[in-house]
Amino acid sequence: GLRASIDAYDNFDNISLAQQLEKHQLMEFRCIAAYLYKGNNWWAQSVELCKKDHLYKEQCGSGGSDR
């Protein structure tokens, strides 16, 4: 899926993709946006997005997994 491609490839604009995904109607895409922010050390944006959706590590699959 998209997350696997994000992990496998790094020749793309992570932040631009995260900004697009955070507005998506599906929660999984917003989780991926938080994951991208976290991977780029944009901690405030990642945490804010998770709080907004009431997401926790287990739901986004980001618990303990760093890029």
PDB file of N, CA and C in Angstrom:
ATOM      1  N   GLY A   1       0.803  -1.180   0.000  1.00  0.00           N
ATOM      2  CA  GLY A   1       0.000   0.000   0.000  1.00  0.00           C
ATOM      3  C   GLY A   1       0.855   1.257   0.000  1.00  0.00           C
ATOM      4  N   LEU A   2       0.219   2.343   0.265  1.00  0.00           N
ATOM      5  CA  LEU A   2       0.886   3.643   0.252  1.00  0.00           C
ATOM      6  C   LEU A   2       1.982   3.727   1.311  1.00  0.00           C
ATOM      7  N   ARG A   3       1.704   3.241   2.500  1.00  0.00           N
ATOM      8  CA  ARG A   3       2.710   3.314   3.566  1.00  0.00           C
ATOM      9  C   ARG A   3       3.957   2.513   3.205  1.00  0.00           C
ATOM     10  N   ALA A   4       3.783   1.353   2.582  1.00  0.00           N
ATOM     11  CA  ALA A   4       4.931   0.545   2.159  1.00  0.00           C
ATOM     12  C   ALA A   4       5.754   1.284   1.112  1.00  0.00           C
ATOM     13  N   SER A   5       5.080   1.966   0.198  1.00  0.00           N
ATOM     14  CA  SER A   5       5.790   2.753  -0.814  1.00  0.00           C
ATOM     15  C   SER A   5       6.536   3.913  -0.175  1.00  0.00           C
ATOM     16  N   ILE A   6       5.935   4.533   0.825  1.00  0.00           N
ATOM     17  CA  ILE A   6       6.595   5.629   1.533  1.00  0.00           C
ATOM     18  C   ILE A   6       7.857   5.130   2.217  1.00  0.00           C
ATOM     19  N   ASP A   7       7.785   3.934   2.802  1.00  0.00           N
ATOM     20  CA  ASP A   7       8.951   3.357   3.467  1.00  0.00           C
ATOM     21  C   ASP A   7      10.021   2.937   2.459  1.00  0.00           C
ATOM     22  N   ALA A   8       9.603   2.482   1.293  1.00  0.00           N
ATOM     23  CA  ALA A   8      10.547   1.960   0.306  1.00  0.00           C
ATOM     24  C   ALA A   8      11.221   3.053  -0.523  1.00  0.00           C
ATOM     25  N   TYR A   9      10.542   4.155  -0.745  1.00  0.00           N
ATOM     26  CA  TYR A   9      11.053   5.208  -1.623  1.00  0.00           C
ATOM     27  C   TYR A   9      11.125   6.525  -0.869  1.00  0.00           C
ATOM     28  N   ASP A  10      12.131   7.332  -1.220  1.00  0.00           N
ATOM     29  CA  ASP A  10      12.258   8.617  -0.536  1.00  0.00           C
ATOM     30  C   ASP A  10      12.418   9.783  -1.506  1.00  0.00           C
ATOM     31  N   ASN A  11      12.235   9.539  -2.789  1.00  0.00           N
ATOM     32  CA  ASN A  11      12.411  10.591  -3.778  1.00  0.00           C
ATOM     33  C   ASN A  11      11.072  11.266  -4.102  1.00  0.00           C
ATOM     34  N   PHE A  12      10.465  11.859  -3.070  1.00  0.00           N
ATOM     35  CA  PHE A  12       9.215  12.594  -3.244  1.00  0.00           C
ATOM     36  C   PHE A  12       9.122  13.630  -2.130  1.00  0.00           C
ATOM     37  N   ASP A  13       8.232  14.572  -2.289  1.00  0.00           N
ATOM     38  CA  ASP A  13       8.065  15.649  -1.317  1.00  0.00           C
ATOM     39  C   ASP A  13       7.155  15.163  -0.187  1.00  0.00           C
ATOM     40  N   ASN A  14       7.781  14.709   0.893  1.00  0.00           N
ATOM     41  CA  ASN A  14       7.047  14.147   2.031  1.00  0.00           C
ATOM     42  C   ASN A  14       6.041  15.126   2.621  1.00  0.00           C
ATOM     43  N   ILE A  15       6.473  16.345   2.820  1.00  0.00           N
ATOM     44  CA  ILE A  15       5.613  17.331   3.481  1.00  0.00           C
ATOM     45  C   ILE A  15       4.422  17.698   2.602  1.00  0.00           C
ATOM     46  N   SER A  16       4.652  17.854   1.313  1.00  0.00           N
ATOM     47  CA  SER A  16       3.552  18.167   0.405  1.00  0.00           C
ATOM     48  C   SER A  16       2.507  17.049   0.405  1.00  0.00           C
ATOM     49  N   LEU A  17       2.986  15.806   0.363  1.00  0.00           N
ATOM     50  CA  LEU A  17       2.061  14.670   0.410  1.00  0.00           C
ATOM     51  C   LEU A  17       1.309  14.645   1.738  1.00  0.00           C
ATOM     52  N   ALA A  18       2.002  14.886   2.833  1.00  0.00           N
ATOM     53  CA  ALA A  18       1.352  14.893   4.154  1.00  0.00           C
ATOM     54  C   ALA A  18       0.273  15.966   4.215  1.00  0.00           C
ATOM     55  N   GLN A  19       0.554  17.140   3.662  1.00  0.00           N
ATOM     56  CA  GLN A  19      -0.430  18.228   3.686  1.00  0.00           C
ATOM     57  C   GLN A  19      -1.669  17.875   2.872  1.00  0.00           C
ATOM     58  N   GLN A  20      -1.485  17.133   1.792  1.00  0.00           N
ATOM     59  CA  GLN A  20      -2.640  16.704   1.004  1.00  0.00           C
ATOM     60  C   GLN A  20      -3.424  15.619   1.734  1.00  0.00           C
ATOM     61  N   LEU A  21      -2.703  14.671   2.330  1.00  0.00           N
ATOM     62  CA  LEU A  21      -3.363  13.540   2.985  1.00  0.00           C
ATOM     63  C   LEU A  21      -4.091  13.939   4.265  1.00  0.00           C
ATOM     64  N   GLU A  22      -3.607  14.970   4.958  1.00  0.00           N
ATOM     65  CA  GLU A  22      -4.258  15.340   6.217  1.00  0.00           C
ATOM     66  C   GLU A  22      -5.660  15.885   6.005  1.00  0.00           C
ATOM     67  N   LYS A  23      -5.986  16.263   4.785  1.00  0.00           N
ATOM     68  CA  LYS A  23      -7.327  16.774   4.467  1.00  0.00           C
ATOM     69  C   LYS A  23      -8.242  15.687   3.903  1.00  0.00           C
ATOM     70  N   HIS A  24      -7.716  14.477   3.765  1.00  0.00           N
ATOM     71  CA  HIS A  24      -8.487  13.384   3.162  1.00  0.00           C
ATOM     72  C   HIS A  24      -9.604  12.942   4.106  1.00  0.00           C
ATOM     73  N   GLN A  25     -10.711  12.473   3.533  1.00  0.00           N
ATOM     74  CA  GLN A  25     -11.852  12.071   4.362  1.00  0.00           C
ATOM     75  C   GLN A  25     -11.626  10.749   5.081  1.00  0.00           C
ATOM     76  N   LEU A  26     -10.750   9.875   4.564  1.00  0.00           N
ATOM     77  CA  LEU A  26     -10.499   8.589   5.212  1.00  0.00           C
ATOM     78  C   LEU A  26      -9.419   8.717   6.285  1.00  0.00           C
ATOM     79  N   MET A  27      -9.704   8.159   7.439  1.00  0.00           N
ATOM     80  CA  MET A  27      -8.801   8.269   8.576  1.00  0.00           C
ATOM     81  C   MET A  27      -7.429   7.650   8.291  1.00  0.00           C
ATOM     82  N   GLU A  28      -7.377   6.555   7.555  1.00  0.00           N
ATOM     83  CA  GLU A  28      -6.091   5.900   7.282  1.00  0.00           C
ATOM     84  C   GLU A  28      -5.132   6.836   6.556  1.00  0.00           C
ATOM     85  N   PHE A  29      -5.650   7.653   5.654  1.00  0.00           N
ATOM     86  CA  PHE A  29      -4.798   8.604   4.946  1.00  0.00           C
ATOM     87  C   PHE A  29      -4.317   9.705   5.887  1.00  0.00           C
ATOM     88  N   ARG A  30      -5.163  10.107   6.822  1.00  0.00           N
ATOM     89  CA  ARG A  30      -4.729  11.104   7.810  1.00  0.00           C
ATOM     90  C   ARG A  30      -3.677  10.509   8.741  1.00  0.00           C
ATOM     91  N   CYS A  31      -3.777   9.207   9.020  1.00  0.00           N
ATOM     92  CA  CYS A  31      -2.746   8.514   9.799  1.00  0.00           C
ATOM     93  C   CYS A  31      -1.420   8.534   9.051  1.00  0.00           C
ATOM     94  N   ILE A  32      -1.471   8.316   7.749  1.00  0.00           N
ATOM     95  CA  ILE A  32      -0.251   8.338   6.950  1.00  0.00           C
ATOM     96  C   ILE A  32       0.339   9.745   6.946  1.00  0.00           C
ATOM     97  N   ALA A  33      -0.510  10.760   6.927  1.00  0.00           N
ATOM     98  CA  ALA A  33      -0.011  12.133   7.007  1.00  0.00           C
ATOM     99  C   ALA A  33       0.727  12.353   8.324  1.00  0.00           C
ATOM    100  N   ALA A  34       0.159  11.883   9.424  1.00  0.00           N
ATOM    101  CA  ALA A  34       0.826  12.004  10.726  1.00  0.00           C
ATOM    102  C   ALA A  34       2.148  11.242  10.721  1.00  0.00           C
ATOM    103  N   TYR A  35       2.166  10.079  10.099  1.00  0.00           N
ATOM    104  CA  TYR A  35       3.376   9.262   9.975  1.00  0.00           C
ATOM    105  C   TYR A  35       4.463  10.006   9.191  1.00  0.00           C
ATOM    106  N   LEU A  36       4.063  10.664   8.103  1.00  0.00           N
ATOM    107  CA  LEU A  36       5.015  11.438   7.308  1.00  0.00           C
ATOM    108  C   LEU A  36       5.562  12.620   8.107  1.00  0.00           C
ATOM    109  N   TYR A  37       4.684  13.330   8.804  1.00  0.00           N
ATOM    110  CA  TYR A  37       5.138  14.446   9.632  1.00  0.00           C
ATOM    111  C   TYR A  37       6.137  13.951  10.682  1.00  0.00           C
ATOM    112  N   LYS A  38       5.809  12.847  11.323  1.00  0.00           N
ATOM    113  CA  LYS A  38       6.685  12.284  12.352  1.00  0.00           C
ATOM    114  C   LYS A  38       8.040  11.913  11.762  1.00  0.00           C
ATOM    115  N   GLY A  39       8.030  11.297  10.586  1.00  0.00           N
ATOM    116  CA  GLY A  39       9.270  10.899   9.936  1.00  0.00           C
ATOM    117  C   GLY A  39      10.147  12.058   9.519  1.00  0.00           C
ATOM    118  N   ASN A  40       9.556  13.246   9.411  1.00  0.00           N
ATOM    119  CA  ASN A  40      10.305  14.444   9.037  1.00  0.00           C
ATOM    120  C   ASN A  40      10.527  15.371  10.230  1.00  0.00           C
ATOM    121  N   ASN A  41      10.296  14.833  11.425  1.00  0.00           N
ATOM    122  CA  ASN A  41      10.484  15.575  12.678  1.00  0.00           C
ATOM    123  C   ASN A  41       9.584  16.802  12.790  1.00  0.00           C
ATOM    124  N   TRP A  42       8.416  16.744  12.184  1.00  0.00           N
ATOM    125  CA  TRP A  42       7.402  17.775  12.348  1.00  0.00           C
ATOM    126  C   TRP A  42       6.446  17.283  13.431  1.00  0.00           C
ATOM    127  N   TRP A  43       6.969  17.172  14.637  1.00  0.00           N
ATOM    128  CA  TRP A  43       6.244  16.554  15.740  1.00  0.00           C
ATOM    129  C   TRP A  43       4.940  17.274  16.072  1.00  0.00           C
ATOM    130  N   ALA A  44       4.968  18.597  16.080  1.00  0.00           N
ATOM    131  CA  ALA A  44       3.770  19.359  16.448  1.00  0.00           C
ATOM    132  C   ALA A  44       2.607  19.048  15.499  1.00  0.00           C
ATOM    133  N   GLN A  45       2.891  19.008  14.200  1.00  0.00           N
ATOM    134  CA  GLN A  45       1.841  18.721  13.224  1.00  0.00           C
ATOM    135  C   GLN A  45       1.333  17.291  13.370  1.00  0.00           C
ATOM    136  N   SER A  46       2.253  16.369  13.612  1.00  0.00           N
ATOM    137  CA  SER A  46       1.860  14.970  13.770  1.00  0.00           C
ATOM    138  C   SER A  46       0.950  14.794  14.978  1.00  0.00           C
ATOM    139  N   VAL A  47       1.344  15.365  16.093  1.00  0.00           N
ATOM    140  CA  VAL A  47       0.559  15.246  17.325  1.00  0.00           C
ATOM    141  C   VAL A  47      -0.787  15.953  17.168  1.00  0.00           C
ATOM    142  N   GLU A  48      -0.784  17.128  16.556  1.00  0.00           N
ATOM    143  CA  GLU A  48      -2.029  17.880  16.371  1.00  0.00           C
ATOM    144  C   GLU A  48      -3.021  17.102  15.511  1.00  0.00           C
ATOM    145  N   LEU A  49      -2.524  16.477  14.454  1.00  0.00           N
ATOM    146  CA  LEU A  49      -3.394  15.694  13.575  1.00  0.00           C
ATOM    147  C   LEU A  49      -3.969  14.496  14.316  1.00  0.00           C
ATOM    148  N   CYS A  50      -3.154  13.827  15.103  1.00  0.00           N
ATOM    149  CA  CYS A  50      -3.634  12.676  15.878  1.00  0.00           C
ATOM    150  C   CYS A  50      -4.660  13.105  16.923  1.00  0.00           C
ATOM    151  N   LYS A  51      -4.404  14.230  17.566  1.00  0.00           N
ATOM    152  CA  LYS A  51      -5.364  14.725  18.568  1.00  0.00           C
ATOM    153  C   LYS A  51      -6.696  15.082  17.915  1.00  0.00           C
ATOM    154  N   LYS A  52      -6.617  15.715  16.757  1.00  0.00           N
ATOM    155  CA  LYS A  52      -7.835  16.146  16.067  1.00  0.00           C
ATOM    156  C   LYS A  52      -8.730  14.957  15.736  1.00  0.00           C
ATOM    157  N   ASP A  53      -8.104  13.843  15.345  1.00  0.00           N
ATOM    158  CA  ASP A  53      -8.866  12.647  14.986  1.00  0.00           C
ATOM    159  C   ASP A  53      -9.020  11.676  16.146  1.00  0.00           C
ATOM    160  N   HIS A  54      -8.526  12.046  17.314  1.00  0.00           N
ATOM    161  CA  HIS A  54      -8.547  11.160  18.487  1.00  0.00           C
ATOM    162  C   HIS A  54      -7.845   9.846  18.165  1.00  0.00           C
ATOM    163  N   LEU A  55      -6.706   9.963  17.504  1.00  0.00           N
ATOM    164  CA  LEU A  55      -5.950   8.787  17.090  1.00  0.00           C
ATOM    165  C   LEU A  55      -4.876   8.459  18.120  1.00  0.00           C
ATOM    166  N   TYR A  56      -4.629   7.200  18.262  1.00  0.00           N
ATOM    167  CA  TYR A  56      -3.595   6.734  19.168  1.00  0.00           C
ATOM    168  C   TYR A  56      -2.610   5.887  18.379  1.00  0.00           C
ATOM    169  N   LYS A  57      -1.482   5.605  18.965  1.00  0.00           N
ATOM    170  CA  LYS A  57      -0.421   4.866  18.268  1.00  0.00           C
ATOM    171  C   LYS A  57      -0.937   3.588  17.621  1.00  0.00           C
ATOM    172  N   GLU A  58      -1.745   2.846  18.331  1.00  0.00           N
ATOM    173  CA  GLU A  58      -2.218   1.562  17.826  1.00  0.00           C
ATOM    174  C   GLU A  58      -3.090   1.743  16.585  1.00  0.00           C
ATOM    175  N   GLN A  59      -3.879   2.799  16.561  1.00  0.00           N
ATOM    176  CA  GLN A  59      -4.781   3.019  15.441  1.00  0.00           C
ATOM    177  C   GLN A  59      -4.048   3.434  14.186  1.00  0.00           C
ATOM    178  N   CYS A  60      -2.999   4.223  14.343  1.00  0.00           N
ATOM    179  CA  CYS A  60      -2.254   4.690  13.179  1.00  0.00           C
ATOM    180  C   CYS A  60      -1.125   3.746  12.809  1.00  0.00           C
ATOM    181  N   GLY A  61      -0.865   2.779  13.644  1.00  0.00           N
ATOM    182  CA  GLY A  61       0.201   1.842  13.324  1.00  0.00           C
ATOM    183  C   GLY A  61       1.574   2.449  13.412  1.00  0.00           C
ATOM    184  N   SER A  62       1.720   3.556  14.139  1.00  0.00           N
ATOM    185  CA  SER A  62       3.021   4.215  14.223  1.00  0.00           C
ATOM    186  C   SER A  62       3.703   3.958  15.557  1.00  0.00           C
ATOM    187  N   GLY A  63       3.135   3.133  16.381  1.00  0.00           N
ATOM    188  CA  GLY A  63       3.703   2.869  17.680  1.00  0.00           C
ATOM    189  C   GLY A  63       5.078   2.216  17.605  1.00  0.00           C
ATOM    190  N   GLY A  64       6.098   2.983  17.924  1.00  0.00           N
ATOM    191  CA  GLY A  64       7.449   2.457  17.972  1.00  0.00           C
ATOM    192  C   GLY A  64       8.102   2.220  16.621  1.00  0.00           C
ATOM    193  N   SER A  65       7.446   2.562  15.532  1.00  0.00           N
ATOM    194  CA  SER A  65       8.075   2.344  14.227  1.00  0.00           C
ATOM    195  C   SER A  65       8.524   3.672  13.656  1.00  0.00           C
ATOM    196  N   ASP A  66       9.795   3.834  13.532  1.00  0.00           N
ATOM    197  CA  ASP A  66      10.359   5.043  12.936  1.00  0.00           C
ATOM    198  C   ASP A  66      10.830   4.749  11.537  1.00  0.00           C
ATOM    199  N   ARG A  67      10.877   5.773  10.731  1.00  0.00           N
ATOM    200  CA  ARG A  67      11.316   5.614   9.344  1.00  0.00           C
ATOM    201  C   ARG A  67      12.774   5.410   9.242  1.00  0.00           C
TER     202      ARG A  67
END
